[in-house]
Amino acid sequence: MQVILLPEVLDYLLELSEILYEKKYFSFETTAQMYVLELYDDIVNNLPKKRHKPAPKYFDRYGKGMKYASFKKNRHTTWYPFFDTYQQNGDTFFLVRYISNNHVIAQYL
């Protein structure tokens, strides 16, 4: 099984550490970078093992028929990668099309 993130998802994650640091969610830039790296690693390594649900219609703008899983990073924040699954040559691929957190999209889940 392989997890692949679309370039726009990778771009968002690259910008996320700067955003978290600038908005004072983290006191040190390196701490914000580690948070994002841990989130990335968790998604890449554990998405296939996570329980997933069908994504609500609201998220069809990122891809129709997607699923999502939850990754709780602390007691206040849960991240939700939205993805498709594909089979090719006997291997399963998880294509992450969008990612957000409960602070932004809770009302749509």
PDB file of N, CA and C in Angstrom:
ATOM      1  N   MET A   1       0.841  -1.177   0.000  1.00  0.00           N
ATOM      2  CA  MET A   1       0.000   0.000   0.000  1.00  0.00           C
ATOM      3  C   MET A   1       0.883   1.236   0.000  1.00  0.00           C
ATOM      4  N   GLN A   2       0.419   2.224  -0.735  1.00  0.00           N
ATOM      5  CA  GLN A   2       1.201   3.445  -0.873  1.00  0.00           C
ATOM      6  C   GLN A   2       0.289   4.654  -0.712  1.00  0.00           C
ATOM      7  N   VAL A   3       0.756   5.649   0.019  1.00  0.00           N
ATOM      8  CA  VAL A   3       0.009   6.891   0.209  1.00  0.00           C
ATOM      9  C   VAL A   3       0.706   7.981  -0.599  1.00  0.00           C
ATOM     10  N   ILE A   4      -0.074   8.657  -1.438  1.00  0.00           N
ATOM     11  CA  ILE A   4       0.445   9.723  -2.295  1.00  0.00           C
ATOM     12  C   ILE A   4      -0.358  10.987  -2.001  1.00  0.00           C
ATOM     13  N   LEU A   5       0.317  12.113  -1.838  1.00  0.00           N
ATOM     14  CA  LEU A   5      -0.356  13.383  -1.614  1.00  0.00           C
ATOM     15  C   LEU A   5      -0.252  14.224  -2.879  1.00  0.00           C
ATOM     16  N   LEU A   6      -1.359  14.819  -3.288  1.00  0.00           N
ATOM     17  CA  LEU A   6      -1.329  15.721  -4.442  1.00  0.00           C
ATOM     18  C   LEU A   6      -0.388  16.888  -4.155  1.00  0.00           C
ATOM     19  N   PRO A   7       0.194  17.482  -5.199  1.00  0.00           N
ATOM     20  CA  PRO A   7       1.120  18.611  -4.988  1.00  0.00           C
ATOM     21  C   PRO A   7       0.506  19.755  -4.179  1.00  0.00           C
ATOM     22  N   GLU A   8      -0.774  20.039  -4.373  1.00  0.00           N
ATOM     23  CA  GLU A   8      -1.395  21.135  -3.614  1.00  0.00           C
ATOM     24  C   GLU A   8      -1.522  20.806  -2.128  1.00  0.00           C
ATOM     25  N   VAL A   9      -1.655  19.532  -1.799  1.00  0.00           N
ATOM     26  CA  VAL A   9      -1.683  19.117  -0.390  1.00  0.00           C
ATOM     27  C   VAL A   9      -0.288  19.263   0.207  1.00  0.00           C
ATOM     28  N   LEU A  10       0.724  18.855  -0.530  1.00  0.00           N
ATOM     29  CA  LEU A  10       2.103  19.031  -0.067  1.00  0.00           C
ATOM     30  C   LEU A  10       2.438  20.511   0.116  1.00  0.00           C
ATOM     31  N   ASP A  11       2.006  21.349  -0.829  1.00  0.00           N
ATOM     32  CA  ASP A  11       2.235  22.794  -0.714  1.00  0.00           C
ATOM     33  C   ASP A  11       1.588  23.352   0.549  1.00  0.00           C
ATOM     34  N   TYR A  12       0.356  22.916   0.813  1.00  0.00           N
ATOM     35  CA  TYR A  12      -0.342  23.366   2.015  1.00  0.00           C
ATOM     36  C   TYR A  12       0.434  22.975   3.270  1.00  0.00           C
ATOM     37  N   LEU A  13       0.904  21.739   3.326  1.00  0.00           N
ATOM     38  CA  LEU A  13       1.659  21.295   4.494  1.00  0.00           C
ATOM     39  C   LEU A  13       2.965  22.072   4.651  1.00  0.00           C
ATOM     40  N   LEU A  14       3.612  22.404   3.547  1.00  0.00           N
ATOM     41  CA  LEU A  14       4.832  23.206   3.618  1.00  0.00           C
ATOM     42  C   LEU A  14       4.553  24.600   4.187  1.00  0.00           C
ATOM     43  N   GLU A  15       3.441  25.172   3.810  1.00  0.00           N
ATOM     44  CA  GLU A  15       3.058  26.497   4.306  1.00  0.00           C
ATOM     45  C   GLU A  15       2.518  26.447   5.733  1.00  0.00           C
ATOM     46  N   LEU A  16       1.977  25.303   6.125  1.00  0.00           N
ATOM     47  CA  LEU A  16       1.318  25.178   7.415  1.00  0.00           C
ATOM     48  C   LEU A  16       2.243  25.500   8.583  1.00  0.00           C
ATOM     49  N   SER A  17       3.465  25.047   8.541  1.00  0.00           N
ATOM     50  CA  SER A  17       4.368  25.322   9.667  1.00  0.00           C
ATOM     51  C   SER A  17       4.596  26.825   9.821  1.00  0.00           C
ATOM     52  N   GLU A  18       4.717  27.541   8.714  1.00  0.00           N
ATOM     53  CA  GLU A  18       4.883  28.998   8.774  1.00  0.00           C
ATOM     54  C   GLU A  18       3.635  29.663   9.355  1.00  0.00           C
ATOM     55  N   ILE A  19       2.478  29.204   8.915  1.00  0.00           N
ATOM     56  CA  ILE A  19       1.210  29.758   9.399  1.00  0.00           C
ATOM     57  C   ILE A  19       1.071  29.534  10.905  1.00  0.00           C
ATOM     58  N   LEU A  20       1.350  28.317  11.348  1.00  0.00           N
ATOM     59  CA  LEU A  20       1.218  27.997  12.773  1.00  0.00           C
ATOM     60  C   LEU A  20       2.177  28.819  13.624  1.00  0.00           C
ATOM     61  N   TYR A  21       3.369  29.053  13.126  1.00  0.00           N
ATOM     62  CA  TYR A  21       4.346  29.855  13.849  1.00  0.00           C
ATOM     63  C   TYR A  21       3.950  31.336  13.856  1.00  0.00           C
ATOM     64  N   GLU A  22       3.560  31.857  12.705  1.00  0.00           N
ATOM     65  CA  GLU A  22       3.181  33.275  12.599  1.00  0.00           C
ATOM     66  C   GLU A  22       1.946  33.608  13.437  1.00  0.00           C
ATOM     67  N   LYS A  23       1.023  32.663  13.543  1.00  0.00           N
ATOM     68  CA  LYS A  23      -0.200  32.893  14.334  1.00  0.00           C
ATOM     69  C   LYS A  23      -0.003  32.547  15.809  1.00  0.00           C
ATOM     70  N   LYS A  24       1.245  32.265  16.177  1.00  0.00           N
ATOM     71  CA  LYS A  24       1.636  32.027  17.571  1.00  0.00           C
ATOM     72  C   LYS A  24       1.036  30.751  18.185  1.00  0.00           C
ATOM     73  N   TYR A  25       0.719  29.757  17.327  1.00  0.00           N
ATOM     74  CA  TYR A  25       0.305  28.467  17.872  1.00  0.00           C
ATOM     75  C   TYR A  25       1.522  27.735  18.439  1.00  0.00           C
ATOM     76  N   PHE A  26       2.690  28.066  17.922  1.00  0.00           N
ATOM     77  CA  PHE A  26       3.947  27.516  18.414  1.00  0.00           C
ATOM     78  C   PHE A  26       4.913  28.660  18.653  1.00  0.00           C
ATOM     79  N   SER A  27       5.701  28.549  19.711  1.00  0.00           N
ATOM     80  CA  SER A  27       6.647  29.610  20.063  1.00  0.00           C
ATOM     81  C   SER A  27       7.913  29.577  19.217  1.00  0.00           C
ATOM     82  N   PHE A  28       8.218  28.383  18.699  1.00  0.00           N
ATOM     83  CA  PHE A  28       9.439  28.228  17.910  1.00  0.00           C
ATOM     84  C   PHE A  28       9.093  27.660  16.542  1.00  0.00           C
ATOM     85  N   GLU A  29       9.771  28.174  15.530  1.00  0.00           N
ATOM     86  CA  GLU A  29       9.530  27.715  14.167  1.00  0.00           C
ATOM     87  C   GLU A  29       9.844  26.227  14.015  1.00  0.00           C
ATOM     88  N   THR A  30      10.891  25.781  14.676  1.00  0.00           N
ATOM     89  CA  THR A  30      11.268  24.360  14.570  1.00  0.00           C
ATOM     90  C   THR A  30      10.190  23.455  15.181  1.00  0.00           C
ATOM     91  N   THR A  31       9.530  23.914  16.218  1.00  0.00           N
ATOM     92  CA  THR A  31       8.451  23.130  16.829  1.00  0.00           C
ATOM     93  C   THR A  31       7.273  23.014  15.865  1.00  0.00           C
ATOM     94  N   ALA A  32       6.950  24.099  15.187  1.00  0.00           N
ATOM     95  CA  ALA A  32       5.871  24.068  14.189  1.00  0.00           C
ATOM     96  C   ALA A  32       6.241  23.137  13.037  1.00  0.00           C
ATOM     97  N   GLN A  33       7.489  23.176  12.612  1.00  0.00           N
ATOM     98  CA  GLN A  33       7.940  22.291  11.533  1.00  0.00           C
ATOM     99  C   GLN A  33       7.863  20.827  11.955  1.00  0.00           C
ATOM    100  N   MET A  34       8.227  20.523  13.188  1.00  0.00           N
ATOM    101  CA  MET A  34       8.154  19.145  13.687  1.00  0.00           C
ATOM    102  C   MET A  34       6.702  18.666  13.760  1.00  0.00           C
ATOM    103  N   TYR A  35       5.798  19.548  14.167  1.00  0.00           N
ATOM    104  CA  TYR A  35       4.377  19.213  14.226  1.00  0.00           C
ATOM    105  C   TYR A  35       3.871  18.798  12.844  1.00  0.00           C
ATOM    106  N   VAL A  36       4.205  19.579  11.839  1.00  0.00           N
ATOM    107  CA  VAL A  36       3.760  19.290  10.470  1.00  0.00           C
ATOM    108  C   VAL A  36       4.435  18.022   9.940  1.00  0.00           C
ATOM    109  N   LEU A  37       5.693  17.846  10.219  1.00  0.00           N
ATOM    110  CA  LEU A  37       6.399  16.636   9.787  1.00  0.00           C
ATOM    111  C   LEU A  37       5.792  15.391  10.434  1.00  0.00           C
ATOM    112  N   GLU A  38       5.459  15.472  11.706  1.00  0.00           N
ATOM    113  CA  GLU A  38       4.810  14.347  12.389  1.00  0.00           C
ATOM    114  C   GLU A  38       3.427  14.064  11.795  1.00  0.00           C
ATOM    115  N   LEU A  39       2.687  15.115  11.453  1.00  0.00           N
ATOM    116  CA  LEU A  39       1.390  14.933  10.806  1.00  0.00           C
ATOM    117  C   LEU A  39       1.563  14.233   9.464  1.00  0.00           C
ATOM    118  N   TYR A  40       2.497  14.700   8.667  1.00  0.00           N
ATOM    119  CA  TYR A  40       2.782  14.090   7.369  1.00  0.00           C
ATOM    120  C   TYR A  40       3.156  12.612   7.534  1.00  0.00           C
ATOM    121  N   ASP A  41       4.084  12.342   8.429  1.00  0.00           N
ATOM    122  CA  ASP A  41       4.521  10.957   8.658  1.00  0.00           C
ATOM    123  C   ASP A  41       3.364  10.078   9.116  1.00  0.00           C
ATOM    124  N   ASP A  42       2.538  10.606   9.997  1.00  0.00           N
ATOM    125  CA  ASP A  42       1.394   9.846  10.495  1.00  0.00           C
ATOM    126  C   ASP A  42       0.443   9.490   9.355  1.00  0.00           C
ATOM    127  N   ILE A  43       0.172  10.443   8.481  1.00  0.00           N
ATOM    128  CA  ILE A  43      -0.723  10.191   7.349  1.00  0.00           C
ATOM    129  C   ILE A  43      -0.113   9.169   6.402  1.00  0.00           C
ATOM    130  N   VAL A  44       1.132   9.373   6.016  1.00  0.00           N
ATOM    131  CA  VAL A  44       1.787   8.480   5.056  1.00  0.00           C
ATOM    132  C   VAL A  44       1.910   7.054   5.603  1.00  0.00           C
ATOM    133  N   ASN A  45       2.191   6.924   6.884  1.00  0.00           N
ATOM    134  CA  ASN A  45       2.422   5.601   7.460  1.00  0.00           C
ATOM    135  C   ASN A  45       1.162   4.906   7.978  1.00  0.00           C
ATOM    136  N   ASN A  46       0.136   5.689   8.316  1.00  0.00           N
ATOM    137  CA  ASN A  46      -1.009   5.080   8.985  1.00  0.00           C
ATOM    138  C   ASN A  46      -2.357   5.220   8.282  1.00  0.00           C
ATOM    139  N   LEU A  47      -2.437   6.005   7.227  1.00  0.00           N
ATOM    140  CA  LEU A  47      -3.722   6.165   6.542  1.00  0.00           C
ATOM    141  C   LEU A  47      -4.341   4.827   6.120  1.00  0.00           C
ATOM    142  N   PRO A  48      -3.578   3.905   5.561  1.00  0.00           N
ATOM    143  CA  PRO A  48      -4.187   2.627   5.166  1.00  0.00           C
ATOM    144  C   PRO A  48      -4.762   1.828   6.337  1.00  0.00           C
ATOM    145  N   LYS A  49      -4.258   2.066   7.533  1.00  0.00           N
ATOM    146  CA  LYS A  49      -4.706   1.322   8.713  1.00  0.00           C
ATOM    147  C   LYS A  49      -5.893   1.979   9.406  1.00  0.00           C
ATOM    148  N   LYS A  50      -6.139   3.247   9.093  1.00  0.00           N
ATOM    149  CA  LYS A  50      -7.180   4.014   9.771  1.00  0.00           C
ATOM    150  C   LYS A  50      -8.565   3.639   9.276  1.00  0.00           C
ATOM    151  N   ARG A  51      -9.515   3.745  10.168  1.00  0.00           N
ATOM    152  CA  ARG A  51     -10.920   3.585   9.794  1.00  0.00           C
ATOM    153  C   ARG A  51     -11.310   4.816   8.990  1.00  0.00           C
ATOM    154  N   HIS A  52     -12.041   4.614   7.903  1.00  0.00           N
ATOM    155  CA  HIS A  52     -12.427   5.762   7.077  1.00  0.00           C
ATOM    156  C   HIS A  52     -13.931   5.766   6.837  1.00  0.00           C
ATOM    157  N   LYS A  53     -14.413   6.958   6.492  1.00  0.00           N
ATOM    158  CA  LYS A  53     -15.838   7.179   6.244  1.00  0.00           C
ATOM    159  C   LYS A  53     -15.994   7.859   4.888  1.00  0.00           C
ATOM    160  N   PRO A  54     -17.176   7.736   4.284  1.00  0.00           N
ATOM    161  CA  PRO A  54     -17.431   8.482   3.042  1.00  0.00           C
ATOM    162  C   PRO A  54     -17.443   9.984   3.326  1.00  0.00           C
ATOM    163  N   ALA A  55     -16.828  10.739   2.461  1.00  0.00           N
ATOM    164  CA  ALA A  55     -16.797  12.200   2.623  1.00  0.00           C
ATOM    165  C   ALA A  55     -18.163  12.785   2.291  1.00  0.00           C
ATOM    166  N   PRO A  56     -18.617  13.770   3.070  1.00  0.00           N
ATOM    167  CA  PRO A  56     -19.875  14.456   2.743  1.00  0.00           C
ATOM    168  C   PRO A  56     -19.796  15.141   1.379  1.00  0.00           C
ATOM    169  N   LYS A  57     -20.934  15.367   0.776  1.00  0.00           N
ATOM    170  CA  LYS A  57     -21.027  15.978  -0.565  1.00  0.00           C
ATOM    171  C   LYS A  57     -20.289  17.317  -0.650  1.00  0.00           C
ATOM    172  N   TYR A  58     -20.217  18.039   0.443  1.00  0.00           N
ATOM    173  CA  TYR A  58     -19.522  19.324   0.454  1.00  0.00           C
ATOM    174  C   TYR A  58     -18.105  19.208  -0.112  1.00  0.00           C
ATOM    175  N   PHE A  59     -17.468  18.078   0.106  1.00  0.00           N
ATOM    176  CA  PHE A  59     -16.075  17.900  -0.292  1.00  0.00           C
ATOM    177  C   PHE A  59     -15.916  17.370  -1.719  1.00  0.00           C
ATOM    178  N   ASP A  60     -17.019  17.216  -2.440  1.00  0.00           N
ATOM    179  CA  ASP A  60     -16.949  16.787  -3.841  1.00  0.00           C
ATOM    180  C   ASP A  60     -16.170  17.774  -4.710  1.00  0.00           C
ATOM    181  N   ARG A  61     -15.997  18.997  -4.237  1.00  0.00           N
ATOM    182  CA  ARG A  61     -15.220  19.993  -5.001  1.00  0.00           C
ATOM    183  C   ARG A  61     -13.753  19.573  -5.142  1.00  0.00           C
ATOM    184  N   TYR A  62     -13.310  18.660  -4.270  1.00  0.00           N
ATOM    185  CA  TYR A  62     -11.928  18.175  -4.317  1.00  0.00           C
ATOM    186  C   TYR A  62     -11.812  16.814  -4.991  1.00  0.00           C
ATOM    187  N   GLY A  63     -12.951  16.187  -5.217  1.00  0.00           N
ATOM    188  CA  GLY A  63     -12.982  14.878  -5.851  1.00  0.00           C
ATOM    189  C   GLY A  63     -14.236  14.131  -5.420  1.00  0.00           C
ATOM    190  N   LYS A  64     -14.923  13.557  -6.363  1.00  0.00           N
ATOM    191  CA  LYS A  64     -16.179  12.874  -6.053  1.00  0.00           C
ATOM    192  C   LYS A  64     -15.919  11.493  -5.457  1.00  0.00           C
ATOM    193  N   GLY A  65     -16.771  11.123  -4.509  1.00  0.00           N
ATOM    194  CA  GLY A  65     -16.706   9.793  -3.937  1.00  0.00           C
ATOM    195  C   GLY A  65     -15.507   9.533  -3.036  1.00  0.00           C
ATOM    196  N   MET A  66     -14.967  10.585  -2.450  1.00  0.00           N
ATOM    197  CA  MET A  66     -13.801  10.403  -1.590  1.00  0.00           C
ATOM    198  C   MET A  66     -14.195   9.831  -0.220  1.00  0.00           C
ATOM    199  N   LYS A  67     -13.180   9.442   0.504  1.00  0.00           N
ATOM    200  CA  LYS A  67     -13.315   9.002   1.885  1.00  0.00           C
ATOM    201  C   LYS A  67     -12.441   9.923   2.727  1.00  0.00           C
ATOM    202  N   TYR A  68     -12.632   9.850   4.046  1.00  0.00           N
ATOM    203  CA  TYR A  68     -11.747  10.604   4.931  1.00  0.00           C
ATOM    204  C   TYR A  68     -11.472   9.806   6.193  1.00  0.00           C
ATOM    205  N   ALA A  69     -10.373  10.141   6.842  1.00  0.00           N
ATOM    206  CA  ALA A  69      -9.975   9.529   8.106  1.00  0.00           C
ATOM    207  C   ALA A  69      -9.613  10.654   9.065  1.00  0.00           C
ATOM    208  N   SER A  70      -9.522  10.332  10.338  1.00  0.00           N
ATOM    209  CA  SER A  70      -9.183  11.370  11.318  1.00  0.00           C
ATOM    210  C   SER A  70      -7.859  11.051  12.006  1.00  0.00           C
ATOM    211  N   PHE A  71      -7.097  12.113  12.241  1.00  0.00           N
ATOM    212  CA  PHE A  71      -5.805  12.025  12.909  1.00  0.00           C
ATOM    213  C   PHE A  71      -5.798  13.066  14.030  1.00  0.00           C
ATOM    214  N   LYS A  72      -5.998  12.622  15.240  1.00  0.00           N
ATOM    215  CA  LYS A  72      -6.031  13.527  16.387  1.00  0.00           C
ATOM    216  C   LYS A  72      -4.599  13.842  16.807  1.00  0.00           C
ATOM    217  N   LYS A  73      -4.224  15.110  16.722  1.00  0.00           N
ATOM    218  CA  LYS A  73      -2.851  15.507  17.022  1.00  0.00           C
ATOM    219  C   LYS A  73      -2.708  16.054  18.446  1.00  0.00           C
ATOM    220  N   ASN A  74      -3.766  16.580  19.005  1.00  0.00           N
ATOM    221  CA  ASN A  74      -3.764  17.007  20.407  1.00  0.00           C
ATOM    222  C   ASN A  74      -5.225  17.097  20.854  1.00  0.00           C
ATOM    223  N   ARG A  75      -5.466  17.545  22.067  1.00  0.00           N
ATOM    224  CA  ARG A  75      -6.855  17.507  22.546  1.00  0.00           C
ATOM    225  C   ARG A  75      -7.770  18.529  21.883  1.00  0.00           C
ATOM    226  N   HIS A  76      -7.187  19.443  21.116  1.00  0.00           N
ATOM    227  CA  HIS A  76      -8.005  20.461  20.452  1.00  0.00           C
ATOM    228  C   HIS A  76      -8.102  20.298  18.938  1.00  0.00           C
ATOM    229  N   THR A  77      -7.169  19.591  18.349  1.00  0.00           N
ATOM    230  CA  THR A  77      -7.092  19.566  16.890  1.00  0.00           C
ATOM    231  C   THR A  77      -7.061  18.149  16.324  1.00  0.00           C
ATOM    232  N   THR A  78      -7.969  17.915  15.393  1.00  0.00           N
ATOM    233  CA  THR A  78      -7.995  16.680  14.622  1.00  0.00           C
ATOM    234  C   THR A  78      -7.874  17.048  13.154  1.00  0.00           C
ATOM    235  N   TRP A  79      -6.993  16.341  12.450  1.00  0.00           N
ATOM    236  CA  TRP A  79      -6.782  16.573  11.027  1.00  0.00           C
ATOM    237  C   TRP A  79      -7.528  15.517  10.230  1.00  0.00           C
ATOM    238  N   TYR A  80      -8.050  15.937   9.073  1.00  0.00           N
ATOM    239  CA  TYR A  80      -8.832  15.056   8.210  1.00  0.00           C
ATOM    240  C   TYR A  80      -8.274  15.063   6.793  1.00  0.00           C
ATOM    241  N   PRO A  81      -7.552  14.024   6.400  1.00  0.00           N
ATOM    242  CA  PRO A  81      -7.167  13.895   4.988  1.00  0.00           C
ATOM    243  C   PRO A  81      -8.324  13.252   4.212  1.00  0.00           C
ATOM    244  N   PHE A  82      -8.610  13.798   3.047  1.00  0.00           N
ATOM    245  CA  PHE A  82      -9.658  13.281   2.163  1.00  0.00           C
ATOM    246  C   PHE A  82      -8.958  12.618   0.983  1.00  0.00           C
ATOM    247  N   PHE A  83      -9.386  11.412   0.646  1.00  0.00           N
ATOM    248  CA  PHE A  83      -8.617  10.620  -0.304  1.00  0.00           C
ATOM    249  C   PHE A  83      -9.487   9.689  -1.135  1.00  0.00           C
ATOM    250  N   ASP A  84      -8.895   9.234  -2.229  1.00  0.00           N
ATOM    251  CA  ASP A  84      -9.439   8.175  -3.082  1.00  0.00           C
ATOM    252  C   ASP A  84      -8.532   6.975  -2.943  1.00  0.00           C
ATOM    253  N   THR A  85      -9.054   5.809  -3.223  1.00  0.00           N
ATOM    254  CA  THR A  85      -8.212   4.612  -3.263  1.00  0.00           C
ATOM    255  C   THR A  85      -8.268   4.028  -4.670  1.00  0.00           C
ATOM    256  N   TYR A  86      -7.131   3.519  -5.100  1.00  0.00           N
ATOM    257  CA  TYR A  86      -7.008   2.922  -6.426  1.00  0.00           C
ATOM    258  C   TYR A  86      -6.264   1.599  -6.307  1.00  0.00           C
ATOM    259  N   GLN A  87      -6.592   0.681  -7.195  1.00  0.00           N
ATOM    260  CA  GLN A  87      -5.884  -0.591  -7.303  1.00  0.00           C
ATOM    261  C   GLN A  87      -5.138  -0.591  -8.628  1.00  0.00           C
ATOM    262  N   GLN A  88      -3.875  -0.979  -8.581  1.00  0.00           N
ATOM    263  CA  GLN A  88      -3.102  -1.090  -9.805  1.00  0.00           C
ATOM    264  C   GLN A  88      -2.035  -2.171  -9.609  1.00  0.00           C
ATOM    265  N   ASN A  89      -2.032  -3.119 -10.506  1.00  0.00           N
ATOM    266  CA  ASN A  89      -1.061  -4.222 -10.456  1.00  0.00           C
ATOM    267  C   ASN A  89      -1.031  -4.904  -9.088  1.00  0.00           C
ATOM    268  N   GLY A  90      -2.206  -5.064  -8.494  1.00  0.00           N
ATOM    269  CA  GLY A  90      -2.303  -5.740  -7.205  1.00  0.00           C
ATOM    270  C   GLY A  90      -1.917  -4.900  -6.006  1.00  0.00           C
ATOM    271  N   ASP A  91      -1.572  -3.641  -6.225  1.00  0.00           N
ATOM    272  CA  ASP A  91      -1.203  -2.750  -5.118  1.00  0.00           C
ATOM    273  C   ASP A  91      -2.317  -1.723  -4.907  1.00  0.00           C
ATOM    274  N   THR A  92      -2.474  -1.274  -3.671  1.00  0.00           N
ATOM    275  CA  THR A  92      -3.480  -0.265  -3.338  1.00  0.00           C
ATOM    276  C   THR A  92      -2.794   1.074  -3.120  1.00  0.00           C
ATOM    277  N   PHE A  93      -3.360   2.113  -3.734  1.00  0.00           N
ATOM    278  CA  PHE A  93      -2.844   3.468  -3.610  1.00  0.00           C
ATOM    279  C   PHE A  93      -3.898   4.343  -2.944  1.00  0.00           C
ATOM    280  N   PHE A  94      -3.451   5.156  -2.009  1.00  0.00           N
ATOM    281  CA  PHE A  94      -4.304   6.135  -1.341  1.00  0.00           C
ATOM    282  C   PHE A  94      -3.855   7.504  -1.828  1.00  0.00           C
ATOM    283  N   LEU A  95      -4.721   8.192  -2.564  1.00  0.00           N
ATOM    284  CA  LEU A  95      -4.390   9.502  -3.124  1.00  0.00           C
ATOM    285  C   LEU A  95      -5.076  10.582  -2.294  1.00  0.00           C
ATOM    286  N   VAL A  96      -4.292  11.313  -1.516  1.00  0.00           N
ATOM    287  CA  VAL A  96      -4.823  12.378  -0.661  1.00  0.00           C
ATOM    288  C   VAL A  96      -5.020  13.623  -1.518  1.00  0.00           C
ATOM    289  N   ARG A  97      -6.278  14.068  -1.593  1.00  0.00           N
ATOM    290  CA  ARG A  97      -6.640  15.211  -2.438  1.00  0.00           C
ATOM    291  C   ARG A  97      -6.815  16.515  -1.664  1.00  0.00           C
ATOM    292  N   TYR A  98      -7.074  16.394  -0.369  1.00  0.00           N
ATOM    293  CA  TYR A  98      -7.359  17.589   0.439  1.00  0.00           C
ATOM    294  C   TYR A  98      -7.099  17.237   1.898  1.00  0.00           C
ATOM    295  N   ILE A  99      -6.696  18.224   2.678  1.00  0.00           N
ATOM    296  CA  ILE A  99      -6.522  18.035   4.111  1.00  0.00           C
ATOM    297  C   ILE A  99      -6.947  19.304   4.827  1.00  0.00           C
ATOM    298  N   SER A 100      -7.602  19.123   5.961  1.00  0.00           N
ATOM    299  CA  SER A 100      -7.990  20.263   6.788  1.00  0.00           C
ATOM    300  C   SER A 100      -8.187  19.768   8.215  1.00  0.00           C
ATOM    301  N   ASN A 101      -8.556  20.692   9.093  1.00  0.00           N
ATOM    302  CA  ASN A 101      -8.748  20.294  10.497  1.00  0.00           C
ATOM    303  C   ASN A 101     -10.121  20.684  11.011  1.00  0.00           C
ATOM    304  N   ASN A 102     -10.425  20.239  12.231  1.00  0.00           N
ATOM    305  CA  ASN A 102     -11.740  20.464  12.818  1.00  0.00           C
ATOM    306  C   ASN A 102     -12.051  21.944  13.002  1.00  0.00           C
ATOM    307  N   HIS A 103     -11.046  22.795  13.149  1.00  0.00           N
ATOM    308  CA  HIS A 103     -11.283  24.230  13.324  1.00  0.00           C
ATOM    309  C   HIS A 103     -11.841  24.874  12.062  1.00  0.00           C
ATOM    310  N   VAL A 104     -11.571  24.266  10.928  1.00  0.00           N
ATOM    311  CA  VAL A 104     -11.985  24.832   9.639  1.00  0.00           C
ATOM    312  C   VAL A 104     -13.228  24.139   9.073  1.00  0.00           C
ATOM    313  N   ILE A 105     -13.308  22.826   9.203  1.00  0.00           N
ATOM    314  CA  ILE A 105     -14.356  22.082   8.478  1.00  0.00           C
ATOM    315  C   ILE A 105     -15.328  21.298   9.353  1.00  0.00           C
ATOM    316  N   ALA A 106     -15.278  21.476  10.654  1.00  0.00           N
ATOM    317  CA  ALA A 106     -16.141  20.688  11.550  1.00  0.00           C
ATOM    318  C   ALA A 106     -17.615  20.787  11.173  1.00  0.00           C
ATOM    319  N   GLN A 107     -18.049  21.942  10.742  1.00  0.00           N
ATOM    320  CA  GLN A 107     -19.464  22.141  10.432  1.00  0.00           C
ATOM    321  C   GLN A 107     -19.908  21.339   9.208  1.00  0.00           C
ATOM    322  N   TYR A 108     -18.979  20.846   8.402  1.00  0.00           N
ATOM    323  CA  TYR A 108     -19.322  20.107   7.197  1.00  0.00           C
ATOM    324  C   TYR A 108     -19.243  18.590   7.375  1.00  0.00           C
ATOM    325  N   LEU A 109     -18.734  18.131   8.506  1.00  0.00           N
ATOM    326  CA  LEU A 109     -18.585  16.690   8.724  1.00  0.00           C
ATOM    327  C   LEU A 109     -19.794  16.083   9.419  1.00  0.00           C
TER     328      LEU A 109
END
